[in-house]
């Protein structure tokens, strides 16, 4: 066979390799591949087909991955993320709406109105001019001459919210006016909620800014709410006199109108009630700051009201009733209106009523005993505890209760909640 070889070869090659080279040289590689595949066993052929199919699937998956990678959105830059976070933070911050200078009501429908002699179609505010002789005589002339003076003859004597007048000079002025007041003034009608419509309440002197809510009840002509105070005692042995709780005002159908002032302590106690949850008895000294009254301040406040409020001018001040109040102490007889509940677990009841996303700030008054029932967290270490005056009571005033939800709209509830949230931020 060697005489027929037309190419060089090594004699050491095996017979199969020699035959392969001769056939490939004479008839091409295609013939040899065909002969080789026909000799494969069926199992080897199937194995080869599976391998080819697998390789095809891998190639297909790689192509799909490349397509997905090309179509996948690019990563959001950090600058854009911070921009969105800042926009969200700014959008969720509660901002007080502007206040109307005519009715002193906050509203989103307030716009800036410019008035003056040189303004076309200028709004006339003459209907808001002060005409009440009692206010002029008792308030303006006596104690607050600058109350209706805005630094311009254009607005002098008008009953406006002074701090809502934006700009004012001799000929022009800019002030906030809500849509309701603007519509009424445009028709030369006094707005229903305007200060000039007998709704001006005056300015309270600085010496009466610290009046307690009990003293206000003593001096008020009309009373239509009952106040329920719920106090929780601390089970911490190191803070046995610390109390915390809330006061809720419940509206009643009966309105009490006074003909003689001040109210007697018995009348005031009839509108108050204290519910105490805790072990032992409540310390009467703890109620002093909650229901504190000053006899001298009550007398001075009633005297000032008679001189500056026309609703009080005809109401006499009874000195004998005034002598029933202490010089500086808690309301007489309030200790007789305490309902004690020594059986209920104060911490458990408090945790149920204040359950929320975060712990209530009064949780620091609780002991470690509630950990076993997973109701409240344990107290801080002794070196981290806050020093608190044992006569101070952490008290929350929750406002007027409207259980039927027929007096306040859902919009008012939402606005109040957002406002309270903003004040706590």
Protein backbone atom coordinates (compact mmCIF):
# COMPACT_ATOMS: atom_id res chain seq x y z
CA UNK A 1 0.00 0.00 0.00
CA UNK A 2 2.91 2.29 0.53
CA UNK A 3 3.48 2.65 -3.17
CA UNK A 4 0.16 4.43 -3.59
CA UNK A 5 0.82 7.13 -0.94
CA UNK A 6 1.22 10.50 -2.51
CA UNK A 7 2.18 12.23 0.72
CA UNK A 8 4.71 11.79 3.42
CA UNK A 9 3.80 9.84 6.51
CA UNK A 10 5.36 8.22 9.50
CA UNK A 11 5.58 4.46 9.61
CA UNK A 12 4.84 4.49 13.32
CA UNK A 13 1.27 5.64 12.73
CA UNK A 14 -1.54 3.28 13.48
CA UNK A 15 -3.50 1.61 10.74
CA UNK A 16 -6.73 3.49 11.46
CA UNK A 17 -4.98 6.83 11.19
CA UNK A 18 -3.33 5.85 7.93
CA UNK A 19 -6.64 4.81 6.42
CA UNK A 20 -8.21 8.07 7.58
CA UNK A 21 -5.46 10.13 5.90
CA UNK A 22 -5.65 8.20 2.64
CA UNK A 23 -9.44 8.58 2.38
CA UNK A 24 -9.34 12.25 3.35
CA UNK A 25 -6.62 12.87 0.78
CA UNK A 26 -8.40 11.03 -2.03
CA UNK A 27 -12.08 11.79 -1.29
CA UNK A 28 -12.09 14.81 1.06
CA UNK A 29 -13.00 15.15 4.75
CA UNK A 30 -16.75 15.02 4.10
CA UNK A 31 -16.59 11.39 2.98
CA UNK A 32 -14.63 10.45 6.07
CA UNK A 33 -17.04 12.23 8.41
CA UNK A 34 -19.95 10.43 6.80
CA UNK A 35 -18.23 7.07 7.15
CA UNK A 36 -17.29 7.80 10.74
CA UNK A 37 -20.80 8.80 11.80
CA UNK A 38 -22.33 5.70 10.25
CA UNK A 39 -20.12 3.58 12.40
CA UNK A 40 -21.26 5.21 15.63
CA UNK A 41 -23.42 3.19 17.95
CA UNK A 42 -26.99 4.33 18.52
CA UNK A 43 -26.23 5.23 22.16
CA UNK A 44 -23.27 7.36 21.13
CA UNK A 45 -25.37 9.03 18.44
CA UNK A 46 -28.05 9.93 20.97
CA UNK A 47 -25.43 11.20 23.35
CA UNK A 48 -24.04 13.40 20.63
CA UNK A 49 -27.48 14.73 19.77
CA UNK A 50 -28.19 15.57 23.39
CA UNK A 51 -24.88 17.39 23.61
CA UNK A 52 -25.64 19.41 20.49
CA UNK A 53 -29.12 20.21 21.76
CA UNK A 54 -27.72 21.33 25.10
CA UNK A 55 -25.20 23.57 23.41
CA UNK A 56 -27.99 25.08 21.32
CA UNK A 57 -30.06 25.78 24.46
CA UNK A 58 -27.06 27.43 26.11
CA UNK A 59 -26.56 29.65 23.12
CA UNK A 60 -30.25 30.56 23.11
CA UNK A 61 -30.20 31.44 26.82
CA UNK A 62 -27.09 33.55 26.34
CA UNK A 63 -28.81 35.47 23.56
CA UNK A 64 -31.87 36.07 25.76
CA UNK A 65 -29.65 37.23 28.64
CA UNK A 66 -27.89 39.68 26.36
CA UNK A 67 -31.28 41.02 25.19
CA UNK A 68 -32.52 41.40 28.80
CA UNK A 69 -29.28 43.10 29.80
CA UNK A 70 -29.56 45.57 26.94
CA UNK A 71 -33.22 46.34 27.78
CA UNK A 72 -32.71 46.53 31.58
CA UNK A 73 -33.06 50.09 32.97
CA UNK A 74 -29.93 51.79 34.17
CA UNK A 75 -29.27 52.28 37.90
CA UNK A 76 -30.91 55.38 39.39
CA UNK A 77 -28.22 57.86 40.40
CA UNK A 78 -27.95 58.82 44.05
CA UNK A 79 -28.57 62.47 43.22
CA UNK A 80 -32.00 61.58 41.83
CA UNK A 81 -32.78 59.44 44.91
CA UNK A 82 -31.94 62.31 47.27
CA UNK A 83 -33.96 64.68 45.13
CA UNK A 84 -37.04 62.45 45.41
CA UNK A 85 -36.53 62.01 49.16
CA UNK A 86 -36.24 65.76 49.62
CA UNK A 87 -39.40 66.34 47.58
CA UNK A 88 -41.27 63.75 49.66
CA UNK A 89 -40.04 65.30 52.91
CA UNK A 90 -41.06 68.77 51.82
CA UNK A 91 -44.44 67.51 50.63
CA UNK A 92 -45.25 65.86 53.94
CA UNK A 93 -44.34 68.85 56.15
CA UNK A 94 -47.43 70.50 57.58
CA UNK A 95 -47.47 74.22 56.92
CA UNK A 96 -50.06 76.44 58.50
CA UNK A 97 -52.39 77.89 55.86
CA UNK A 98 -52.56 81.67 55.56
CA UNK A 99 -54.97 83.57 57.77
CA UNK A 100 -57.61 85.94 56.55
CA UNK A 101 -57.29 89.48 57.90
CA UNK A 102 -61.07 89.97 57.91
CA UNK A 103 -62.27 86.87 59.81
CA UNK A 104 -58.92 85.72 61.33
CA UNK A 105 -59.64 82.17 60.05
CA UNK A 106 -56.90 80.00 58.53
CA UNK A 107 -57.85 78.79 55.07
CA UNK A 108 -56.30 77.53 51.85
CA UNK A 109 -58.55 79.88 49.87
CA UNK A 110 -56.76 83.03 51.02
CA UNK A 111 -55.36 85.38 48.41
CA UNK A 112 -53.50 88.67 48.59
CA UNK A 113 -55.75 91.65 47.83
CA UNK A 114 -54.38 95.08 47.08
CA UNK A 115 -56.52 98.08 47.89
CA UNK A 116 -55.95 101.80 47.49
CA UNK A 117 -56.94 104.95 45.67
CA UNK A 118 -54.78 104.12 42.66
CA UNK A 119 -56.06 100.55 42.29
CA UNK A 120 -58.70 99.87 39.63
CA UNK A 121 -61.84 98.22 41.01
CA UNK A 122 -60.46 98.53 44.55
CA UNK A 123 -62.29 96.63 47.28
CA UNK A 124 -64.14 98.80 49.79
CA UNK A 125 -63.63 97.86 53.47
CA UNK A 126 -65.68 100.63 54.99
CA UNK A 127 -68.28 98.15 56.22
CA UNK A 128 -65.61 96.73 58.58
CA UNK A 129 -65.13 100.00 60.43
CA UNK A 130 -65.32 99.86 64.24
CA UNK A 131 -68.65 101.22 65.45
CA UNK A 132 -69.16 99.47 68.79
CA UNK A 133 -69.17 102.16 71.48
CA UNK A 134 -68.30 99.67 74.23
CA UNK A 135 -65.17 98.47 72.43
CA UNK A 136 -64.14 102.02 71.63
CA UNK A 137 -64.71 103.22 75.20
CA UNK A 138 -63.53 100.21 77.23
CA UNK A 139 -60.87 98.60 75.05
CA UNK A 140 -59.39 101.06 72.58
CA UNK A 141 -59.34 104.27 74.61
CA UNK A 142 -58.67 102.64 77.98
CA UNK A 143 -56.00 100.03 77.41
CA UNK A 144 -55.09 99.43 73.76
CA UNK A 145 -55.16 102.52 71.60
CA UNK A 146 -53.01 100.97 68.86
CA UNK A 147 -55.22 97.89 68.38
CA UNK A 148 -56.88 99.21 65.19
CA UNK A 149 -54.04 101.44 64.05
CA UNK A 150 -52.17 99.91 61.10
CA UNK A 151 -49.88 102.80 60.30
CA UNK A 152 -52.07 104.15 57.54
CA UNK A 153 -55.15 106.35 57.32
CA UNK A 154 -56.44 103.96 54.67
CA UNK A 155 -57.07 101.18 57.22
CA UNK A 156 -57.32 103.13 60.45
CA UNK A 157 -60.36 102.11 62.50
CA UNK A 158 -61.11 98.92 60.56
CA UNK A 159 -61.59 95.71 62.54
CA UNK A 160 -58.88 93.51 60.98
CA UNK A 161 -56.43 90.90 62.15
CA UNK A 162 -53.46 93.18 62.57
CA UNK A 163 -50.73 90.62 61.91
CA UNK A 164 -52.28 89.62 58.55
CA UNK A 165 -51.90 93.06 57.00
CA UNK A 166 -48.89 92.48 54.74
CA UNK A 167 -48.00 95.94 53.49
CA UNK A 168 -49.47 99.30 54.28
CA UNK A 169 -48.68 102.89 53.38
CA UNK A 170 -50.63 106.10 53.04
CA UNK A 171 -52.24 105.26 49.70
CA UNK A 172 -52.10 101.48 49.26
CA UNK A 173 -52.28 98.30 51.33
CA UNK A 174 -51.92 94.54 50.82
CA UNK A 175 -53.72 92.09 53.05
CA UNK A 176 -54.85 88.46 53.10
CA UNK A 177 -58.56 87.90 52.44
CA UNK A 178 -60.28 84.54 52.03
CA UNK A 179 -62.70 83.88 49.17
CA UNK A 180 -65.80 83.88 51.39
CA UNK A 181 -65.01 87.29 52.90
CA UNK A 182 -63.99 88.68 49.53
CA UNK A 183 -67.30 87.66 47.96
CA UNK A 184 -69.30 89.27 50.76
CA UNK A 185 -67.29 92.48 50.69
CA UNK A 186 -67.63 92.65 46.92
CA UNK A 187 -71.42 92.77 47.41
CA UNK A 188 -71.00 95.33 50.21
CA UNK A 189 -72.13 92.80 52.84
CA UNK A 190 -70.38 92.08 56.10
CA UNK A 191 -68.95 88.52 56.15
CA UNK A 192 -70.57 86.13 58.61
CA UNK A 193 -67.29 85.34 60.40
CA UNK A 194 -65.80 88.83 60.22
CA UNK A 195 -64.41 90.34 63.40
CA UNK A 196 -66.65 93.31 62.79
CA UNK A 197 -69.70 91.02 62.99
CA UNK A 198 -69.59 91.03 66.82
CA UNK A 199 -66.85 88.37 66.86
CA UNK A 200 -63.97 90.48 68.14
CA UNK A 201 -62.69 88.94 71.39
CA UNK A 202 -60.05 91.50 72.30
CA UNK A 203 -56.51 91.01 73.58
CA UNK A 204 -55.81 89.20 76.84
CA UNK A 205 -53.36 91.03 79.13
CA UNK A 206 -50.08 89.31 79.95
CA UNK A 207 -50.93 88.85 83.63
CA UNK A 208 -53.77 86.48 82.68
CA UNK A 209 -51.90 84.34 80.16
CA UNK A 210 -51.11 81.72 82.84
CA UNK A 211 -54.72 81.14 83.89
CA UNK A 212 -55.38 77.48 84.62
CA UNK A 213 -58.23 75.68 82.91
CA UNK A 214 -59.99 75.33 86.29
CA UNK A 215 -59.84 79.09 86.85
CA UNK A 216 -61.33 79.62 83.40
CA UNK A 217 -64.22 77.35 84.36
CA UNK A 218 -64.71 79.32 87.57
CA UNK A 219 -65.00 82.59 85.63
CA UNK A 220 -66.94 81.38 82.59
CA UNK A 221 -70.58 82.34 82.04
CA UNK A 222 -71.49 79.30 79.93
CA UNK A 223 -70.42 75.74 80.68
CA UNK A 224 -71.48 72.75 78.57
CA UNK A 225 -68.64 70.24 78.99
CA UNK A 226 -67.80 67.68 81.67
CA UNK A 227 -64.13 66.87 82.20
CA UNK A 228 -63.02 63.31 82.98
CA UNK A 229 -59.41 62.90 84.11
CA UNK A 230 -57.93 59.41 84.01
CA UNK A 231 -54.72 58.96 86.02
CA UNK A 232 -52.41 55.96 85.97
CA UNK A 233 -50.14 55.22 88.91
CA UNK A 234 -46.55 54.09 88.43
CA UNK A 235 -45.65 50.63 89.73
CA UNK A 236 -41.98 51.54 89.88
CA UNK A 237 -40.95 51.42 93.58
CA UNK A 238 -38.58 54.34 93.07
CA UNK A 239 -41.39 56.55 91.70
CA UNK A 240 -44.49 55.80 93.78
CA UNK A 241 -45.95 59.29 93.48
CA UNK A 242 -45.52 59.78 89.73
CA UNK A 243 -48.81 59.94 87.81
CA UNK A 244 -49.64 60.21 84.14
CA UNK A 245 -52.89 60.22 82.22
CA UNK A 246 -55.25 62.32 80.12
CA UNK A 247 -58.18 64.67 80.43
CA UNK A 248 -61.14 64.41 78.07
CA UNK A 249 -63.94 66.97 77.73
CA UNK A 250 -67.37 65.51 77.03
CA UNK A 251 -70.02 67.76 75.56
CA UNK A 252 -73.37 67.78 77.36
CA UNK A 253 -76.85 68.61 76.19
CA UNK A 254 -77.46 70.97 79.14
CA UNK A 255 -75.80 74.39 79.09
CA UNK A 256 -75.20 76.06 82.43
CA UNK A 257 -75.50 79.85 82.43
CA UNK A 258 -74.24 81.82 85.39
CA UNK A 259 -76.10 84.79 86.87
CA UNK A 260 -73.54 85.35 89.64
CA UNK A 261 -69.78 84.85 89.44
CA UNK A 262 -67.57 83.19 90.37
CA UNK A 263 -69.03 79.69 90.33
CA UNK A 264 -68.98 77.87 93.64
CA UNK A 265 -66.48 75.02 94.09
CA UNK A 266 -69.45 72.64 94.28
CA UNK A 267 -70.65 73.73 90.82
CA UNK A 268 -67.18 73.21 89.35
CA UNK A 269 -66.74 69.81 91.02
CA UNK A 270 -70.06 68.74 89.51
CA UNK A 271 -68.41 69.00 86.08
CA UNK A 272 -65.20 67.21 87.08
CA UNK A 273 -64.33 63.61 87.81
CA UNK A 274 -61.01 61.84 88.43
CA UNK A 275 -60.49 58.13 87.78
CA UNK A 276 -57.35 56.66 89.39
CA UNK A 277 -55.93 53.29 88.32
CA UNK A 278 -53.15 51.99 90.50
CA UNK A 279 -52.20 50.39 93.76
CA UNK A 280 -52.76 52.20 97.02
CA UNK A 281 -54.37 55.60 97.34
CA UNK A 282 -53.74 58.68 95.29
CA UNK A 283 -51.73 61.45 96.89
CA UNK A 284 -53.92 64.55 97.24
CA UNK A 285 -50.82 66.72 96.84
CA UNK A 286 -50.45 65.41 93.29
CA UNK A 287 -53.74 67.05 92.31
CA UNK A 288 -52.61 70.53 93.29
CA UNK A 289 -50.96 71.40 89.97
CA UNK A 290 -53.74 69.78 87.94
CA UNK A 291 -56.63 71.61 89.64
CA UNK A 292 -54.79 74.65 90.92
CA UNK A 293 -56.64 77.90 91.67
CA UNK A 294 -55.48 81.33 92.85
CA UNK A 295 -58.09 83.39 94.62
CA UNK A 296 -56.42 86.71 93.79
CA UNK A 297 -56.12 85.86 90.09
CA UNK A 298 -59.80 84.87 89.90
CA UNK A 299 -60.83 88.17 91.44
CA UNK A 300 -58.55 90.21 89.18
CA UNK A 301 -59.73 88.37 86.08
CA UNK A 302 -63.42 88.87 86.86
CA UNK A 303 -62.81 92.57 87.56
CA UNK A 304 -61.03 92.95 84.23
CA UNK A 305 -63.84 91.10 82.42
CA UNK A 306 -66.49 93.42 83.90
CA UNK A 307 -64.59 96.43 82.61
CA UNK A 308 -63.68 95.07 79.17
CA UNK A 309 -66.33 92.50 78.19
CA UNK A 310 -69.94 93.62 77.72
CA UNK A 311 -71.17 90.08 78.52
CA UNK A 312 -69.90 90.51 82.10
CA UNK A 313 -71.02 94.05 82.79
CA UNK A 314 -74.34 93.05 84.36
CA UNK A 315 -73.04 90.02 86.33
CA UNK A 316 -72.20 90.79 89.99
CA UNK A 317 -69.14 89.38 91.75
CA UNK A 318 -70.02 87.58 94.98
CA UNK A 319 -67.28 88.09 97.56
CA UNK A 320 -68.62 85.30 99.78
CA UNK A 321 -68.24 82.76 96.98
CA UNK A 322 -64.81 84.13 96.20
CA UNK A 323 -63.74 83.49 99.80
CA UNK A 324 -64.48 79.77 99.29
CA UNK A 325 -61.36 79.48 97.13
CA UNK A 326 -57.86 79.17 98.63
CA UNK A 327 -55.11 81.69 98.09
CA UNK A 328 -53.00 79.11 96.21
CA UNK A 329 -54.06 75.46 96.36
CA UNK A 330 -56.09 72.80 94.60
CA UNK A 331 -59.80 73.15 93.95
CA UNK A 332 -61.71 72.60 97.24
CA UNK A 333 -63.64 69.33 97.27
CA UNK A 334 -61.92 67.73 94.28
CA UNK A 335 -60.69 64.90 96.49
CA UNK A 336 -64.32 63.82 96.96
CA UNK A 337 -64.75 63.25 93.22
CA UNK A 338 -62.01 60.64 92.82
CA UNK A 339 -62.94 57.13 91.71
CA UNK A 340 -60.20 54.65 92.63
CA UNK A 341 -59.70 51.38 90.76
CA UNK A 342 -57.15 49.26 92.63
CA UNK A 343 -58.02 45.98 90.91
CA UNK A 344 -57.24 46.76 87.27
CA UNK A 345 -53.61 46.60 86.20
CA UNK A 346 -52.76 50.24 85.45
CA UNK A 347 -49.86 49.45 83.12
CA UNK A 348 -51.86 46.91 81.15
CA UNK A 349 -54.82 49.28 80.72
CA UNK A 350 -52.52 52.15 79.77
CA UNK A 351 -50.66 50.03 77.19
CA UNK A 352 -53.93 48.98 75.57
CA UNK A 353 -55.22 52.55 75.33
CA UNK A 354 -51.94 53.97 73.98
CA UNK A 355 -51.00 51.13 71.62
CA UNK A 356 -49.32 52.42 68.47
CA UNK A 357 -46.28 52.25 66.23
CA UNK A 358 -44.04 53.77 68.89
CA UNK A 359 -44.01 53.68 72.68
CA UNK A 360 -45.84 56.36 74.58
CA UNK A 361 -43.54 58.82 76.37
CA UNK A 362 -45.15 57.89 79.69
CA UNK A 363 -43.75 54.35 79.36
CA UNK A 364 -40.76 55.55 81.38
CA UNK A 365 -42.96 55.47 84.46
CA UNK A 366 -43.50 51.72 84.12
CA UNK A 367 -41.60 48.94 85.86
CA UNK A 368 -40.10 45.70 84.51
CA UNK A 369 -43.01 43.54 85.66
CA UNK A 370 -44.88 43.94 82.39
CA UNK A 371 -42.14 42.31 80.33
CA UNK A 372 -43.43 38.85 81.16
CA UNK A 373 -46.74 39.53 79.42
CA UNK A 374 -45.17 41.50 76.52
CA UNK A 375 -47.17 44.66 77.11
CA UNK A 376 -44.49 47.32 77.68
CA UNK A 377 -40.74 47.66 77.59
CA UNK A 378 -38.65 47.68 80.72
CA UNK A 379 -37.46 50.79 82.45
CA UNK A 380 -34.04 52.21 81.75
CA UNK A 381 -31.14 51.58 84.09
CA UNK A 382 -31.18 53.50 87.33
CA UNK A 383 -28.42 55.83 86.18
CA UNK A 384 -30.44 56.76 83.07
CA UNK A 385 -33.74 57.50 84.80
CA UNK A 386 -35.14 60.98 84.54
CA UNK A 387 -35.48 63.02 87.69
CA UNK A 388 -39.11 64.11 87.92
CA UNK A 389 -40.86 66.30 90.43
CA UNK A 390 -43.15 63.94 92.38
CA UNK A 391 -45.87 66.60 92.42
CA UNK A 392 -45.85 67.01 88.62
CA UNK A 393 -48.41 65.05 86.60
CA UNK A 394 -47.85 64.24 82.95
CA UNK A 395 -51.30 65.08 81.62
CA UNK A 396 -52.64 65.06 78.06
CA UNK A 397 -55.69 67.07 77.07
CA UNK A 398 -57.47 65.19 74.32
CA UNK A 399 -60.14 67.75 73.47
CA UNK A 400 -63.87 67.42 73.08
CA UNK A 401 -65.21 63.94 72.49
CA UNK A 402 -67.61 63.49 69.58
CA UNK A 403 -68.59 59.81 69.79
CA UNK A 404 -71.31 60.10 67.13
CA UNK A 405 -68.96 61.94 64.72
CA UNK A 406 -71.81 64.24 63.71
CA UNK A 407 -70.32 67.57 64.73
CA UNK A 408 -66.90 67.40 63.06
CA UNK A 409 -66.30 66.36 59.47
CA UNK A 410 -63.70 63.83 58.38
CA UNK A 411 -61.74 66.64 56.75
CA UNK A 412 -61.55 68.45 60.10
CA UNK A 413 -60.32 65.31 61.86
CA UNK A 414 -57.60 64.79 59.23
CA UNK A 415 -56.50 68.42 59.36
CA UNK A 416 -56.31 68.32 63.16
CA UNK A 417 -54.29 65.11 63.10
CA UNK A 418 -51.79 66.51 60.60
CA UNK A 419 -51.45 69.69 62.61
CA UNK A 420 -50.76 67.74 65.83
CA UNK A 421 -48.25 65.60 63.96
CA UNK A 422 -46.43 68.65 62.69
CA UNK A 423 -46.25 70.16 66.18
CA UNK A 424 -44.55 67.00 67.49
CA UNK A 425 -41.92 66.82 64.76
